Amino acid sequence: MTGALGSAALVLMSLGAVTAQASPAAADPCGFYETSSDAFYNHCTSDGSRVIIHVRVAYGADYERCVAPGKTWLGSADKIQGAHYVGRTC
């Protein structure tokens, strides 16, 4: 009986180890990124600053936009070609 309990404990401990090693979902990357359908700019900061980004638009006029900390939706991935920080706050 002791051997069975020890084996059960070993199995449960090994399952716990596997669970503890599972990584959380990957966070959104900083800066410009796309999903299969959408384009985003993620302003990663801890100081609460708002920054101006330059947005490149396919078959349209580029523009500048003020973004707050966190993820900002820029539009459809097939219309937005990229975005970058221009070095100014807003």
N, C-alpha and C. Protein backbone atom coordinates (compact mmCIF):
# COMPACT_ATOMS: atom_id res chain seq x y z
N MET A 1 0.82 -1.20 0.00
CA MET A 1 0.00 0.00 0.00
C MET A 1 0.87 1.26 0.00
N THR A 2 1.96 1.24 0.72
CA THR A 2 2.84 2.40 0.77
C THR A 2 3.44 2.68 -0.60
N GLY A 3 3.79 1.63 -1.33
CA GLY A 3 4.34 1.81 -2.67
C GLY A 3 3.35 2.47 -3.60
N ALA A 4 2.07 2.11 -3.50
CA ALA A 4 1.04 2.71 -4.35
C ALA A 4 0.85 4.18 -4.01
N LEU A 5 0.86 4.51 -2.73
CA LEU A 5 0.72 5.91 -2.33
C LEU A 5 1.92 6.73 -2.78
N GLY A 6 3.09 6.14 -2.65
CA GLY A 6 4.30 6.84 -3.09
C GLY A 6 4.28 7.08 -4.59
N SER A 7 3.83 6.08 -5.35
CA SER A 7 3.74 6.23 -6.81
C SER A 7 2.73 7.30 -7.18
N ALA A 8 1.58 7.32 -6.49
CA ALA A 8 0.55 8.32 -6.76
C ALA A 8 1.08 9.71 -6.44
N ALA A 9 1.80 9.84 -5.34
CA ALA A 9 2.36 11.14 -4.96
C ALA A 9 3.38 11.60 -6.01
N LEU A 10 4.20 10.68 -6.49
CA LEU A 10 5.19 11.00 -7.50
C LEU A 10 4.52 11.49 -8.79
N VAL A 11 3.45 10.81 -9.21
CA VAL A 11 2.72 11.23 -10.42
C VAL A 11 2.13 12.61 -10.22
N LEU A 12 1.50 12.88 -9.08
CA LEU A 12 0.91 14.18 -8.82
C LEU A 12 1.96 15.28 -8.77
N MET A 13 3.10 14.97 -8.17
CA MET A 13 4.17 15.97 -8.11
C MET A 13 4.71 16.28 -9.50
N SER A 14 4.84 15.26 -10.33
CA SER A 14 5.36 15.51 -11.68
C SER A 14 4.35 16.30 -12.51
N LEU A 15 3.06 16.06 -12.30
CA LEU A 15 2.04 16.85 -12.99
C LEU A 15 2.10 18.30 -12.55
N GLY A 16 2.32 18.52 -11.27
CA GLY A 16 2.45 19.88 -10.74
C GLY A 16 3.65 20.59 -11.34
N ALA A 17 4.74 19.88 -11.54
CA ALA A 17 5.93 20.48 -12.13
C ALA A 17 5.68 20.90 -13.56
N VAL A 18 4.94 20.08 -14.29
CA VAL A 18 4.62 20.43 -15.68
C VAL A 18 3.73 21.68 -15.71
N THR A 19 2.76 21.74 -14.84
CA THR A 19 1.86 22.90 -14.79
C THR A 19 2.62 24.15 -14.42
N ALA A 20 3.54 24.05 -13.48
CA ALA A 20 4.29 25.22 -13.04
C ALA A 20 5.19 25.76 -14.15
N GLN A 21 5.59 24.93 -15.10
CA GLN A 21 6.47 25.37 -16.16
C GLN A 21 5.72 25.96 -17.35
N ALA A 22 4.43 25.85 -17.38
CA ALA A 22 3.66 26.41 -18.50
C ALA A 22 3.82 27.92 -18.48
N SER A 23 4.10 28.51 -19.63
CA SER A 23 4.31 29.95 -19.68
C SER A 23 2.99 30.67 -19.95
N PRO A 24 2.88 31.91 -19.44
CA PRO A 24 1.67 32.68 -19.72
C PRO A 24 1.64 33.07 -21.20
N ALA A 25 0.49 33.51 -21.67
CA ALA A 25 0.36 33.94 -23.06
C ALA A 25 1.33 35.09 -23.32
N ALA A 26 1.92 35.11 -24.48
CA ALA A 26 2.88 36.16 -24.82
C ALA A 26 2.18 37.51 -24.85
N ALA A 27 2.85 38.51 -24.29
CA ALA A 27 2.29 39.86 -24.28
C ALA A 27 2.45 40.48 -25.65
N ASP A 28 1.66 41.51 -25.93
CA ASP A 28 1.78 42.23 -27.20
C ASP A 28 3.16 42.87 -27.27
N PRO A 29 3.84 42.82 -28.41
CA PRO A 29 5.16 43.43 -28.52
C PRO A 29 5.06 44.96 -28.48
N CYS A 30 6.13 45.60 -28.11
CA CYS A 30 6.17 47.06 -28.12
C CYS A 30 6.36 47.55 -29.55
N GLY A 31 5.78 48.72 -29.84
CA GLY A 31 5.90 49.30 -31.17
C GLY A 31 4.84 48.77 -32.12
N PHE A 32 5.13 48.86 -33.41
CA PHE A 32 4.18 48.43 -34.43
C PHE A 32 4.17 46.91 -34.54
N TYR A 33 2.99 46.35 -34.68
CA TYR A 33 2.85 44.92 -34.99
C TYR A 33 1.51 44.68 -35.66
N GLU A 34 1.42 43.54 -36.35
CA GLU A 34 0.20 43.16 -37.06
C GLU A 34 -0.26 41.78 -36.62
N THR A 35 -1.57 41.59 -36.68
CA THR A 35 -2.15 40.26 -36.59
C THR A 35 -2.51 39.87 -38.02
N SER A 36 -3.22 38.79 -38.18
CA SER A 36 -3.62 38.41 -39.54
C SER A 36 -4.58 39.41 -40.17
N SER A 37 -5.24 40.23 -39.36
CA SER A 37 -6.23 41.15 -39.93
C SER A 37 -6.08 42.60 -39.51
N ASP A 38 -5.36 42.89 -38.43
CA ASP A 38 -5.32 44.24 -37.89
C ASP A 38 -3.89 44.72 -37.64
N ALA A 39 -3.72 46.05 -37.64
CA ALA A 39 -2.44 46.68 -37.34
C ALA A 39 -2.57 47.46 -36.03
N PHE A 40 -1.54 47.38 -35.19
CA PHE A 40 -1.55 48.02 -33.88
C PHE A 40 -0.22 48.72 -33.61
N TYR A 41 -0.27 49.69 -32.69
CA TYR A 41 0.95 50.26 -32.13
C TYR A 41 0.82 50.14 -30.62
N ASN A 42 1.80 49.51 -29.99
CA ASN A 42 1.79 49.33 -28.54
C ASN A 42 2.85 50.22 -27.93
N HIS A 43 2.41 51.28 -27.26
CA HIS A 43 3.33 52.23 -26.60
C HIS A 43 3.62 51.69 -25.20
N CYS A 44 4.79 51.10 -25.04
CA CYS A 44 5.19 50.50 -23.77
C CYS A 44 5.91 51.55 -22.93
N THR A 45 5.30 51.94 -21.84
CA THR A 45 5.91 52.93 -20.94
C THR A 45 5.32 52.75 -19.56
N SER A 46 6.08 53.18 -18.57
CA SER A 46 5.55 53.15 -17.20
C SER A 46 5.35 54.57 -16.66
N ASP A 47 5.67 55.58 -17.50
CA ASP A 47 5.56 56.96 -17.02
C ASP A 47 4.28 57.68 -17.46
N GLY A 48 3.42 57.00 -18.20
CA GLY A 48 2.15 57.59 -18.60
C GLY A 48 2.24 58.56 -19.78
N SER A 49 3.41 58.66 -20.40
CA SER A 49 3.59 59.61 -21.50
C SER A 49 2.76 59.23 -22.73
N ARG A 50 2.42 60.24 -23.48
CA ARG A 50 1.75 60.06 -24.77
C ARG A 50 2.76 60.48 -25.83
N VAL A 51 2.84 59.72 -26.92
CA VAL A 51 3.85 60.00 -27.95
C VAL A 51 3.21 60.12 -29.32
N ILE A 52 3.93 60.78 -30.22
CA ILE A 52 3.47 60.92 -31.60
C ILE A 52 4.14 59.83 -32.42
N ILE A 53 3.32 59.14 -33.23
CA ILE A 53 3.84 58.13 -34.14
C ILE A 53 3.52 58.54 -35.57
N HIS A 54 4.35 58.10 -36.49
CA HIS A 54 4.13 58.30 -37.92
C HIS A 54 3.56 56.99 -38.45
N VAL A 55 2.39 57.04 -39.08
CA VAL A 55 1.72 55.85 -39.59
C VAL A 55 1.83 55.85 -41.12
N ARG A 56 2.37 54.77 -41.67
CA ARG A 56 2.49 54.61 -43.13
C ARG A 56 1.27 53.87 -43.65
N VAL A 57 0.62 54.48 -44.63
CA VAL A 57 -0.63 53.96 -45.18
C VAL A 57 -0.42 53.51 -46.62
N ALA A 58 -0.89 52.33 -46.94
CA ALA A 58 -0.81 51.83 -48.31
C ALA A 58 -1.85 52.56 -49.16
N TYR A 59 -1.42 53.08 -50.29
CA TYR A 59 -2.33 53.74 -51.25
C TYR A 59 -3.11 54.88 -50.62
N GLY A 60 -2.47 55.60 -49.68
CA GLY A 60 -3.11 56.73 -49.04
C GLY A 60 -2.06 57.62 -48.40
N ALA A 61 -2.50 58.72 -47.85
CA ALA A 61 -1.59 59.66 -47.21
C ALA A 61 -1.17 59.14 -45.84
N ASP A 62 0.14 59.21 -45.58
CA ASP A 62 0.63 58.89 -44.24
C ASP A 62 0.13 59.97 -43.28
N TYR A 63 0.17 59.68 -41.98
CA TYR A 63 -0.28 60.67 -41.00
C TYR A 63 0.44 60.46 -39.68
N GLU A 64 0.39 61.48 -38.82
CA GLU A 64 0.91 61.37 -37.48
C GLU A 64 -0.27 61.26 -36.52
N ARG A 65 -0.01 60.55 -35.43
CA ARG A 65 -1.08 60.32 -34.45
C ARG A 65 -0.49 60.31 -33.05
N CYS A 66 -1.21 60.89 -32.11
CA CYS A 66 -0.82 60.87 -30.70
C CYS A 66 -1.41 59.61 -30.06
N VAL A 67 -0.56 58.81 -29.42
CA VAL A 67 -1.05 57.58 -28.78
C VAL A 67 -0.71 57.57 -27.29
N ALA A 68 -1.62 57.03 -26.53
CA ALA A 68 -1.46 56.87 -25.08
C ALA A 68 -0.74 55.56 -24.80
N PRO A 69 -0.32 55.34 -23.57
CA PRO A 69 0.29 54.06 -23.22
C PRO A 69 -0.65 52.90 -23.52
N GLY A 70 -0.08 51.79 -23.96
CA GLY A 70 -0.87 50.60 -24.26
C GLY A 70 -1.09 50.44 -25.75
N LYS A 71 -1.98 49.54 -26.08
CA LYS A 71 -2.24 49.14 -27.46
C LYS A 71 -3.26 50.06 -28.13
N THR A 72 -2.91 50.53 -29.33
CA THR A 72 -3.79 51.37 -30.14
C THR A 72 -4.02 50.69 -31.48
N TRP A 73 -5.27 50.53 -31.84
CA TRP A 73 -5.63 49.95 -33.14
C TRP A 73 -5.43 51.01 -34.21
N LEU A 74 -4.69 50.68 -35.27
CA LEU A 74 -4.42 51.64 -36.34
C LEU A 74 -5.29 51.41 -37.57
N GLY A 75 -5.77 50.20 -37.74
CA GLY A 75 -6.60 49.90 -38.89
C GLY A 75 -6.37 48.49 -39.39
N SER A 76 -6.88 48.25 -40.55
CA SER A 76 -6.75 46.94 -41.18
C SER A 76 -5.29 46.70 -41.58
N ALA A 77 -4.81 45.49 -41.38
CA ALA A 77 -3.42 45.15 -41.70
C ALA A 77 -3.12 45.31 -43.19
N ASP A 78 -4.12 45.19 -44.05
CA ASP A 78 -3.85 45.36 -45.47
C ASP A 78 -3.77 46.83 -45.88
N LYS A 79 -4.14 47.75 -45.00
CA LYS A 79 -4.07 49.18 -45.31
C LYS A 79 -2.92 49.89 -44.61
N ILE A 80 -2.47 49.38 -43.47
CA ILE A 80 -1.39 50.02 -42.71
C ILE A 80 -0.09 49.28 -42.97
N GLN A 81 0.93 50.01 -43.41
CA GLN A 81 2.22 49.39 -43.75
C GLN A 81 3.22 49.43 -42.60
N GLY A 82 3.01 50.31 -41.64
CA GLY A 82 3.94 50.40 -40.52
C GLY A 82 3.68 51.65 -39.71
N ALA A 83 4.36 51.76 -38.58
CA ALA A 83 4.27 52.93 -37.74
C ALA A 83 5.51 52.98 -36.86
N HIS A 84 5.96 54.21 -36.57
CA HIS A 84 7.12 54.35 -35.68
C HIS A 84 7.04 55.65 -34.89
N TYR A 85 7.69 55.65 -33.76
CA TYR A 85 7.78 56.80 -32.87
C TYR A 85 8.65 57.87 -33.54
N VAL A 86 8.19 59.12 -33.53
CA VAL A 86 8.93 60.19 -34.21
C VAL A 86 9.82 61.00 -33.27
N GLY A 87 9.81 60.69 -31.98
CA GLY A 87 10.69 61.38 -31.05
C GLY A 87 10.07 62.56 -30.31
N ARG A 88 8.75 62.69 -30.41
CA ARG A 88 8.06 63.79 -29.73
C ARG A 88 6.93 63.25 -28.85
N THR A 89 6.65 63.97 -27.80
CA THR A 89 5.50 63.65 -26.96
C THR A 89 4.34 64.57 -27.34
N CYS A 90 3.16 64.25 -26.83
CA CYS A 90 1.99 65.06 -27.15
C CYS A 90 1.10 65.19 -25.92
